[in-house]
C-alpha atoms as a PDB file:
ATOM      1  CA  UNK A   1     -51.733 -83.469  -0.391  1.00  0.00           C
ATOM      2  CA  UNK A   2     -49.844 -83.374  -3.661  1.00  0.00           C
ATOM      3  CA  UNK A   3     -46.122 -83.392  -4.435  1.00  0.00           C
ATOM      4  CA  UNK A   4     -44.564 -79.937  -4.486  1.00  0.00           C
ATOM      5  CA  UNK A   5     -41.595 -81.163  -6.509  1.00  0.00           C
ATOM      6  CA  UNK A   6     -41.562 -82.295 -10.111  1.00  0.00           C
ATOM      7  CA  UNK A   7     -40.896 -85.866 -11.168  1.00  0.00           C
ATOM      8  CA  UNK A   8     -37.435 -84.876 -12.400  1.00  0.00           C
ATOM      9  CA  UNK A   9     -36.534 -83.199  -9.097  1.00  0.00           C
ATOM     10  CA  UNK A  10     -37.498 -86.350  -7.188  1.00  0.00           C
ATOM     11  CA  UNK A  11     -35.625 -88.577  -9.636  1.00  0.00           C
ATOM     12  CA  UNK A  12     -32.482 -86.545  -8.916  1.00  0.00           C
ATOM     13  CA  UNK A  13     -32.813 -87.437  -5.227  1.00  0.00           C
ATOM     14  CA  UNK A  14     -32.890 -91.226  -5.752  1.00  0.00           C
ATOM     15  CA  UNK A  15     -29.083 -91.718  -5.998  1.00  0.00           C
ATOM     16  CA  UNK A  16     -28.668 -89.808  -2.745  1.00  0.00           C
ATOM     17  CA  UNK A  17     -31.125 -92.143  -0.993  1.00  0.00           C
ATOM     18  CA  UNK A  18     -28.774 -95.088  -1.425  1.00  0.00           C
ATOM     19  CA  UNK A  19     -26.078 -93.374   0.632  1.00  0.00           C
ATOM     20  CA  UNK A  20     -28.008 -91.506   3.331  1.00  0.00           C
ATOM     21  CA  UNK A  21     -31.416 -89.922   3.734  1.00  0.00           C
ATOM     22  CA  UNK A  22     -29.727 -87.285   5.920  1.00  0.00           C
ATOM     23  CA  UNK A  23     -28.225 -85.801   2.758  1.00  0.00           C
ATOM     24  CA  UNK A  24     -31.646 -85.139   1.211  1.00  0.00           C
ATOM     25  CA  UNK A  25     -32.794 -81.524   1.304  1.00  0.00           C
ATOM     26  CA  UNK A  26     -35.734 -80.950   3.646  1.00  0.00           C
ATOM     27  CA  UNK A  27     -37.770 -79.586   0.745  1.00  0.00           C
ATOM     28  CA  UNK A  28     -37.800 -83.090  -0.776  1.00  0.00           C
ATOM     29  CA  UNK A  29     -38.351 -85.063   2.447  1.00  0.00           C
ATOM     30  CA  UNK A  30     -42.048 -84.106   2.504  1.00  0.00           C
ATOM     31  CA  UNK A  31     -42.621 -85.395  -1.029  1.00  0.00           C
ATOM     32  CA  UNK A  32     -40.561 -88.551  -0.547  1.00  0.00           C
ATOM     33  CA  UNK A  33     -42.623 -89.339   2.553  1.00  0.00           C
ATOM     34  CA  UNK A  34     -45.889 -88.448   0.820  1.00  0.00           C
ATOM     35  CA  UNK A  35     -45.050 -90.783  -2.068  1.00  0.00           C
ATOM     36  CA  UNK A  36     -44.147 -93.619   0.301  1.00  0.00           C
ATOM     37  CA  UNK A  37     -40.439 -93.674  -0.542  1.00  0.00           C
ATOM     38  CA  UNK A  38     -39.507 -92.824   3.053  1.00  0.00           C
ATOM     39  CA  UNK A  39     -41.384 -93.663   6.221  1.00  0.00           C
ATOM     40  CA  UNK A  40     -41.913 -91.229   9.103  1.00  0.00           C
ATOM     41  CA  UNK A  41     -38.527 -92.232  10.564  1.00  0.00           C
ATOM     42  CA  UNK A  42     -36.915 -91.217   7.241  1.00  0.00           C
ATOM     43  CA  UNK A  43     -35.972 -94.797   6.441  1.00  0.00           C
ATOM     44  CA  UNK A  44     -36.431 -96.304   3.004  1.00  0.00           C
ATOM     45  CA  UNK A  45     -39.685 -98.170   2.532  1.00  0.00           C
ATOM     46  CA  UNK A  46     -40.095-101.183   0.259  1.00  0.00           C
ATOM     47  CA  UNK A  47     -40.801 -98.726  -2.575  1.00  0.00           C
ATOM     48  CA  UNK A  48     -37.717 -96.713  -1.643  1.00  0.00           C
ATOM     49  CA  UNK A  49     -35.510 -99.800  -1.757  1.00  0.00           C
ATOM     50  CA  UNK A  50     -36.955-100.767  -5.133  1.00  0.00           C
ATOM     51  CA  UNK A  51     -36.309 -97.268  -6.506  1.00  0.00           C
ATOM     52  CA  UNK A  52     -32.676 -97.314  -5.396  1.00  0.00           C
ATOM     53  CA  UNK A  53     -32.041-100.580  -7.267  1.00  0.00           C
ATOM     54  CA  UNK A  54     -34.005 -99.719 -10.424  1.00  0.00           C
ATOM     55  CA  UNK A  55     -33.023 -97.958 -13.610  1.00  0.00           C
ATOM     56  CA  UNK A  56     -34.291 -94.422 -14.235  1.00  0.00           C
ATOM     57  CA  UNK A  57     -37.178 -95.456 -16.506  1.00  0.00           C
ATOM     58  CA  UNK A  58     -38.545 -97.884 -13.923  1.00  0.00           C
ATOM     59  CA  UNK A  59     -37.991 -95.284 -11.179  1.00  0.00           C
ATOM     60  CA  UNK A  60     -40.154 -92.825 -13.098  1.00  0.00           C
ATOM     61  CA  UNK A  61     -42.893 -95.429 -13.600  1.00  0.00           C
ATOM     62  CA  UNK A  62     -42.875 -96.380  -9.916  1.00  0.00           C
ATOM     63  CA  UNK A  63     -42.949 -92.760  -8.753  1.00  0.00           C
ATOM     64  CA  UNK A  64     -45.803 -91.828 -11.081  1.00  0.00           C
ATOM     65  CA  UNK A  65     -47.765 -94.846  -9.900  1.00  0.00           C
ATOM     66  CA  UNK A  66     -47.240 -93.748  -6.293  1.00  0.00           C
ATOM     67  CA  UNK A  67     -48.356 -90.212  -7.152  1.00  0.00           C
ATOM     68  CA  UNK A  68     -51.510 -91.520  -8.827  1.00  0.00           C
ATOM     69  CA  UNK A  69     -52.485 -93.241  -5.598  1.00  0.00           C
ATOM     70  CA  UNK A  70     -52.964 -89.805  -3.992  1.00  0.00           C
ATOM     71  CA  UNK A  71     -56.630 -88.660  -4.044  1.00  0.00           C
ATOM     72  CA  UNK A  72     -55.837 -85.089  -5.088  1.00  0.00           C
ATOM     73  CA  UNK A  73     -53.679 -86.310  -7.963  1.00  0.00           C
ATOM     74  CA  UNK A  74     -56.570 -88.488  -9.149  1.00  0.00           C
ATOM     75  CA  UNK A  75     -58.816 -85.409  -9.106  1.00  0.00           C
ATOM     76  CA  UNK A  76     -56.307 -83.388 -11.157  1.00  0.00           C
ATOM     77  CA  UNK A  77     -55.950 -86.239 -13.651  1.00  0.00           C
ATOM     78  CA  UNK A  78     -59.718 -86.280 -14.150  1.00  0.00           C
ATOM     79  CA  UNK A  79     -59.558 -82.623 -15.221  1.00  0.00           C
ATOM     80  CA  UNK A  80     -56.854 -83.132 -17.836  1.00  0.00           C
ATOM     81  CA  UNK A  81     -57.997 -83.486 -21.417  1.00  0.00           C
ATOM     82  CA  UNK A  82     -55.892 -85.846 -23.546  1.00  0.00           C
ATOM     83  CA  UNK A  83     -56.887 -84.065 -26.768  1.00  0.00           C
ATOM     84  CA  UNK A  84     -56.477 -80.471 -25.595  1.00  0.00           C
ATOM     85  CA  UNK A  85     -53.710 -78.764 -23.675  1.00  0.00           C
ATOM     86  CA  UNK A  86     -54.974 -77.704 -20.251  1.00  0.00           C
ATOM     87  CA  UNK A  87     -53.163 -74.940 -18.376  1.00  0.00           C
ATOM     88  CA  UNK A  88     -52.437 -74.740 -14.678  1.00  0.00           C
ATOM     89  CA  UNK A  89     -54.798 -71.789 -14.350  1.00  0.00           C
ATOM     90  CA  UNK A  90     -57.624 -73.797 -15.913  1.00  0.00           C
ATOM     91  CA  UNK A  91     -57.018 -76.619 -13.445  1.00  0.00           C
ATOM     92  CA  UNK A  92     -57.001 -74.170 -10.523  1.00  0.00           C
ATOM     93  CA  UNK A  93     -60.254 -72.565 -11.654  1.00  0.00           C
ATOM     94  CA  UNK A  94     -62.025 -75.946 -11.685  1.00  0.00           C
ATOM     95  CA  UNK A  95     -60.980 -76.932  -8.160  1.00  0.00           C
ATOM     96  CA  UNK A  96     -61.937 -75.615  -4.712  1.00  0.00           C
ATOM     97  CA  UNK A  97     -59.981 -72.561  -3.517  1.00  0.00           C
ATOM     98  CA  UNK A  98     -58.212 -74.557  -0.798  1.00  0.00           C
ATOM     99  CA  UNK A  99     -57.227 -77.486  -3.048  1.00  0.00           C
ATOM    100  CA  UNK A 100     -53.646 -76.275  -3.479  1.00  0.00           C
ATOM    101  CA  UNK A 101     -51.419 -74.992  -0.699  1.00  0.00           C
ATOM    102  CA  UNK A 102     -50.750 -71.294  -0.698  1.00  0.00           C
ATOM    103  CA  UNK A 103     -52.978 -68.263  -0.709  1.00  0.00           C
ATOM    104  CA  UNK A 104     -51.582 -66.473  -3.738  1.00  0.00           C
ATOM    105  CA  UNK A 105     -52.609 -67.557  -7.216  1.00  0.00           C
ATOM    106  CA  UNK A 106     -48.942 -67.535  -8.228  1.00  0.00           C
ATOM    107  CA  UNK A 107     -48.197 -70.200  -5.588  1.00  0.00           C
ATOM    108  CA  UNK A 108     -51.140 -72.279  -6.733  1.00  0.00           C
ATOM    109  CA  UNK A 109     -49.930 -72.073 -10.340  1.00  0.00           C
ATOM    110  CA  UNK A 110     -46.519 -73.386  -9.284  1.00  0.00           C
ATOM    111  CA  UNK A 111     -48.050 -76.284  -7.334  1.00  0.00           C
ATOM    112  CA  UNK A 112     -50.495 -77.113 -10.137  1.00  0.00           C
ATOM    113  CA  UNK A 113     -47.698 -77.069 -12.712  1.00  0.00           C
ATOM    114  CA  UNK A 114     -45.541 -79.397 -10.594  1.00  0.00           C
ATOM    115  CA  UNK A 115     -48.511 -81.726 -10.050  1.00  0.00           C
ATOM    116  CA  UNK A 116     -49.191 -81.853 -13.771  1.00  0.00           C
ATOM    117  CA  UNK A 117     -45.609 -83.047 -14.433  1.00  0.00           C
ATOM    118  CA  UNK A 118     -46.532 -86.255 -12.625  1.00  0.00           C
ATOM    119  CA  UNK A 119     -49.454 -86.902 -14.966  1.00  0.00           C
ATOM    120  CA  UNK A 120     -47.707 -86.527 -18.334  1.00  0.00           C
END
């Protein structure tokens, strides 16, 4: 699995975590759990507690590190070329059809684009 939200969207959720995870939109719960910020009981993990007490720059570093621990994110990173701009469609074409959620190419482009935000 890969995050469906961008880094910036997740960063916007961090201040809300300090007050109550019940206030987080369900669309972000999946990603926060996937990244290890929340556990299955929707409680802050050690990473979640560290994010809440960190400044935004450190939050971004910690979140990107968590994302890079996901096998599919590692695979996407391998396909990126540091000297040439790679598009979402190029990434999609180099991966198996079922790599990204969604059946439509437009959905896959959205998910690939969001995933690539984590690797910049």
